[in-house]
Amino acid sequence: MARRFTAIYSAGRRYTKQFSACYKKHGKWYLGWVEEIPGVNTQGKTLKETKENLKEALLLILETNRILNKKEFPRGKVIRQSLAVSF
């Protein structure tokens, strides 16, 4: 079951972006993952818990990637721009 949800990232900037959240019951657990970003996955005992865990996992991955990129490519060394796509 895929569900679109919005993540709000706030580390000096706020923006809203939509991702596809997928959930699957597996035995007594629910599994959750984001289709667009490998590595964003979680589990929970209830669907509600899994949804909350998935939002937290997504925000942590986005924040970590931003920090790592800023360390590897400091300001002035790369051109950073917003990128929008529609499909």
N, C-alpha and C. Protein backbone atom coordinates (compact mmCIF):
# COMPACT_ATOMS: atom_id res chain seq x y z
N MET A 1 0.85 -1.16 0.00
CA MET A 1 0.00 0.00 0.00
C MET A 1 0.90 1.23 0.00
N ALA A 2 0.79 2.05 -1.02
CA ALA A 2 1.59 3.27 -1.13
C ALA A 2 0.77 4.46 -0.65
N ARG A 3 1.41 5.35 0.04
CA ARG A 3 0.74 6.54 0.56
C ARG A 3 1.69 7.70 0.40
N ARG A 4 1.22 8.82 -0.14
CA ARG A 4 2.06 10.00 -0.28
C ARG A 4 2.01 10.77 1.03
N PHE A 5 3.17 11.21 1.50
CA PHE A 5 3.16 12.09 2.66
C PHE A 5 4.18 13.19 2.48
N THR A 6 4.04 14.22 3.27
CA THR A 6 4.89 15.40 3.16
C THR A 6 5.86 15.43 4.32
N ALA A 7 7.12 15.67 4.02
CA ALA A 7 8.13 15.83 5.06
C ALA A 7 8.52 17.30 5.09
N ILE A 8 8.62 17.85 6.26
CA ILE A 8 9.09 19.24 6.41
C ILE A 8 10.46 19.18 7.05
N TYR A 9 11.45 19.69 6.34
CA TYR A 9 12.82 19.68 6.81
C TYR A 9 13.15 21.07 7.30
N SER A 10 13.75 21.16 8.47
CA SER A 10 14.04 22.47 9.00
C SER A 10 15.42 22.49 9.64
N ALA A 11 16.37 22.96 8.90
CA ALA A 11 17.72 23.19 9.43
C ALA A 11 18.15 24.51 8.83
N GLY A 12 17.53 25.55 9.29
CA GLY A 12 17.79 26.86 8.73
C GLY A 12 16.80 27.18 7.62
N ARG A 13 16.26 26.17 6.96
CA ARG A 13 15.31 26.36 5.88
C ARG A 13 14.12 25.45 6.11
N ARG A 14 12.98 25.89 5.62
CA ARG A 14 11.78 25.05 5.68
C ARG A 14 11.28 24.85 4.26
N TYR A 15 10.95 23.65 3.94
CA TYR A 15 10.30 23.38 2.67
C TYR A 15 9.47 22.12 2.81
N THR A 16 8.60 21.92 1.86
CA THR A 16 7.72 20.76 1.87
C THR A 16 7.99 19.96 0.61
N LYS A 17 8.09 18.66 0.76
CA LYS A 17 8.36 17.77 -0.36
C LYS A 17 7.53 16.52 -0.17
N GLN A 18 7.02 15.97 -1.23
CA GLN A 18 6.19 14.77 -1.17
C GLN A 18 7.02 13.53 -1.50
N PHE A 19 6.78 12.45 -0.76
CA PHE A 19 7.44 11.17 -1.00
C PHE A 19 6.38 10.07 -1.00
N SER A 20 6.73 8.93 -1.57
CA SER A 20 5.82 7.78 -1.57
C SER A 20 6.19 6.85 -0.43
N ALA A 21 5.29 6.72 0.52
CA ALA A 21 5.49 5.82 1.66
C ALA A 21 4.77 4.51 1.36
N CYS A 22 5.45 3.40 1.57
CA CYS A 22 4.87 2.07 1.34
C CYS A 22 4.86 1.31 2.66
N TYR A 23 3.78 0.57 2.88
CA TYR A 23 3.64 -0.20 4.12
C TYR A 23 3.20 -1.62 3.78
N LYS A 24 3.71 -2.58 4.54
CA LYS A 24 3.36 -3.97 4.33
C LYS A 24 3.33 -4.69 5.67
N LYS A 25 2.27 -5.45 5.90
CA LYS A 25 2.18 -6.28 7.11
C LYS A 25 3.04 -7.51 6.89
N HIS A 26 3.92 -7.82 7.85
CA HIS A 26 4.81 -8.99 7.76
C HIS A 26 4.78 -9.71 9.11
N GLY A 27 3.99 -10.75 9.18
CA GLY A 27 3.81 -11.42 10.47
C GLY A 27 3.11 -10.49 11.44
N LYS A 28 3.71 -10.30 12.60
CA LYS A 28 3.13 -9.40 13.61
C LYS A 28 3.60 -7.96 13.45
N TRP A 29 4.47 -7.70 12.49
CA TRP A 29 5.06 -6.38 12.31
C TRP A 29 4.57 -5.72 11.03
N TYR A 30 4.69 -4.40 11.01
CA TYR A 30 4.48 -3.63 9.80
C TYR A 30 5.84 -3.12 9.33
N LEU A 31 6.08 -3.21 8.04
CA LEU A 31 7.30 -2.68 7.44
C LEU A 31 6.93 -1.41 6.69
N GLY A 32 7.83 -0.45 6.67
CA GLY A 32 7.59 0.79 5.94
C GLY A 32 8.85 1.25 5.25
N TRP A 33 8.71 1.83 4.06
CA TRP A 33 9.85 2.37 3.34
C TRP A 33 9.40 3.49 2.42
N VAL A 34 10.36 4.31 1.98
CA VAL A 34 10.12 5.39 1.04
C VAL A 34 10.68 4.96 -0.30
N GLU A 35 9.83 4.95 -1.32
CA GLU A 35 10.25 4.47 -2.64
C GLU A 35 11.39 5.28 -3.24
N GLU A 36 11.38 6.58 -3.07
CA GLU A 36 12.33 7.45 -3.77
C GLU A 36 13.73 7.48 -3.17
N ILE A 37 13.89 7.08 -1.92
CA ILE A 37 15.19 7.22 -1.26
C ILE A 37 15.60 5.88 -0.64
N PRO A 38 16.57 5.19 -1.26
CA PRO A 38 17.04 3.93 -0.68
C PRO A 38 17.57 4.14 0.74
N GLY A 39 17.30 3.19 1.60
CA GLY A 39 17.79 3.27 2.97
C GLY A 39 16.81 3.87 3.95
N VAL A 40 15.72 4.47 3.46
CA VAL A 40 14.72 5.01 4.36
C VAL A 40 13.67 3.92 4.57
N ASN A 41 13.83 3.17 5.64
CA ASN A 41 12.91 2.09 5.95
C ASN A 41 12.85 1.89 7.45
N THR A 42 11.79 1.22 7.89
CA THR A 42 11.57 1.03 9.32
C THR A 42 10.58 -0.10 9.54
N GLN A 43 10.25 -0.32 10.79
CA GLN A 43 9.22 -1.28 11.15
C GLN A 43 8.54 -0.81 12.43
N GLY A 44 7.39 -1.39 12.72
CA GLY A 44 6.67 -1.06 13.94
C GLY A 44 5.65 -2.14 14.25
N LYS A 45 5.19 -2.14 15.49
CA LYS A 45 4.19 -3.12 15.90
C LYS A 45 2.80 -2.77 15.39
N THR A 46 2.57 -1.48 15.13
CA THR A 46 1.29 -1.03 14.58
C THR A 46 1.58 -0.18 13.35
N LEU A 47 0.56 -0.01 12.52
CA LEU A 47 0.72 0.83 11.34
C LEU A 47 1.00 2.27 11.75
N LYS A 48 0.34 2.74 12.79
CA LYS A 48 0.57 4.11 13.28
C LYS A 48 2.02 4.30 13.71
N GLU A 49 2.55 3.35 14.48
CA GLU A 49 3.94 3.43 14.93
C GLU A 49 4.90 3.41 13.73
N THR A 50 4.60 2.58 12.75
CA THR A 50 5.45 2.48 11.57
C THR A 50 5.46 3.79 10.80
N LYS A 51 4.31 4.43 10.66
CA LYS A 51 4.23 5.72 9.97
C LYS A 51 5.06 6.78 10.69
N GLU A 52 4.96 6.83 12.01
CA GLU A 52 5.74 7.79 12.79
C GLU A 52 7.24 7.50 12.65
N ASN A 53 7.61 6.23 12.73
CA ASN A 53 9.02 5.84 12.59
C ASN A 53 9.56 6.20 11.21
N LEU A 54 8.73 6.02 10.17
CA LEU A 54 9.18 6.30 8.81
C LEU A 54 9.42 7.79 8.61
N LYS A 55 8.56 8.63 9.15
CA LYS A 55 8.78 10.07 9.04
C LYS A 55 10.09 10.46 9.71
N GLU A 56 10.34 9.90 10.90
CA GLU A 56 11.58 10.20 11.61
C GLU A 56 12.80 9.71 10.82
N ALA A 57 12.71 8.50 10.26
CA ALA A 57 13.83 7.96 9.48
C ALA A 57 14.11 8.83 8.26
N LEU A 58 13.07 9.28 7.58
CA LEU A 58 13.24 10.14 6.41
C LEU A 58 13.90 11.46 6.79
N LEU A 59 13.43 12.09 7.84
CA LEU A 59 14.02 13.36 8.27
C LEU A 59 15.48 13.19 8.67
N LEU A 60 15.81 12.09 9.34
CA LEU A 60 17.20 11.84 9.74
C LEU A 60 18.11 11.64 8.52
N ILE A 61 17.64 10.90 7.53
CA ILE A 61 18.43 10.68 6.31
C ILE A 61 18.63 12.00 5.57
N LEU A 62 17.58 12.79 5.42
CA LEU A 62 17.71 14.08 4.73
C LEU A 62 18.69 15.00 5.45
N GLU A 63 18.58 15.07 6.77
CA GLU A 63 19.47 15.93 7.55
C GLU A 63 20.92 15.44 7.46
N THR A 64 21.12 14.13 7.57
CA THR A 64 22.48 13.57 7.50
C THR A 64 23.09 13.81 6.13
N ASN A 65 22.33 13.58 5.06
CA ASN A 65 22.85 13.81 3.71
C ASN A 65 23.23 15.27 3.50
N ARG A 66 22.41 16.18 4.01
CA ARG A 66 22.71 17.61 3.86
C ARG A 66 24.01 17.95 4.60
N ILE A 67 24.18 17.46 5.82
CA ILE A 67 25.39 17.73 6.61
C ILE A 67 26.62 17.16 5.92
N LEU A 68 26.54 15.92 5.46
CA LEU A 68 27.68 15.29 4.79
C LEU A 68 28.06 16.03 3.51
N ASN A 69 27.08 16.46 2.74
CA ASN A 69 27.37 17.19 1.52
C ASN A 69 27.99 18.54 1.80
N LYS A 70 27.52 19.23 2.83
CA LYS A 70 28.10 20.54 3.14
C LYS A 70 29.53 20.41 3.63
N LYS A 71 29.85 19.31 4.33
CA LYS A 71 31.24 19.09 4.76
C LYS A 71 32.13 18.76 3.58
N GLU A 72 31.64 17.91 2.68
CA GLU A 72 32.45 17.49 1.54
C GLU A 72 32.58 18.58 0.49
N PHE A 73 31.52 19.37 0.33
CA PHE A 73 31.51 20.43 -0.67
C PHE A 73 31.10 21.74 -0.01
N PRO A 74 32.06 22.44 0.62
CA PRO A 74 31.74 23.69 1.34
C PRO A 74 31.18 24.76 0.39
N ARG A 75 30.52 25.74 1.00
CA ARG A 75 29.95 26.86 0.25
C ARG A 75 31.03 27.49 -0.63
N GLY A 76 30.66 27.83 -1.83
CA GLY A 76 31.60 28.42 -2.76
C GLY A 76 32.31 27.40 -3.63
N LYS A 77 32.31 26.14 -3.23
CA LYS A 77 32.97 25.09 -4.01
C LYS A 77 32.02 24.44 -5.02
N VAL A 78 30.73 24.55 -4.78
CA VAL A 78 29.72 23.97 -5.68
C VAL A 78 28.59 24.97 -5.88
N ILE A 79 27.84 24.77 -6.93
CA ILE A 79 26.65 25.57 -7.18
C ILE A 79 25.46 24.80 -6.64
N ARG A 80 24.72 25.39 -5.72
CA ARG A 80 23.53 24.76 -5.16
C ARG A 80 22.29 25.50 -5.65
N GLN A 81 21.36 24.76 -6.21
CA GLN A 81 20.11 25.34 -6.70
C GLN A 81 18.96 24.40 -6.37
N SER A 82 17.77 24.96 -6.33
CA SER A 82 16.58 24.14 -6.20
C SER A 82 16.32 23.44 -7.53
N LEU A 83 15.79 22.24 -7.46
CA LEU A 83 15.48 21.47 -8.64
C LEU A 83 14.07 20.93 -8.50
N ALA A 84 13.23 21.21 -9.46
CA ALA A 84 11.85 20.73 -9.42
C ALA A 84 11.60 19.86 -10.64
N VAL A 85 10.94 18.74 -10.41
CA VAL A 85 10.55 17.87 -11.52
C VAL A 85 9.07 17.50 -11.36
N SER A 86 8.43 17.26 -12.45
CA SER A 86 7.03 16.83 -12.44
C SER A 86 6.93 15.56 -13.25
N PHE A 87 6.17 14.61 -12.74
CA PHE A 87 5.94 13.37 -13.50
C PHE A 87 4.58 12.82 -13.18
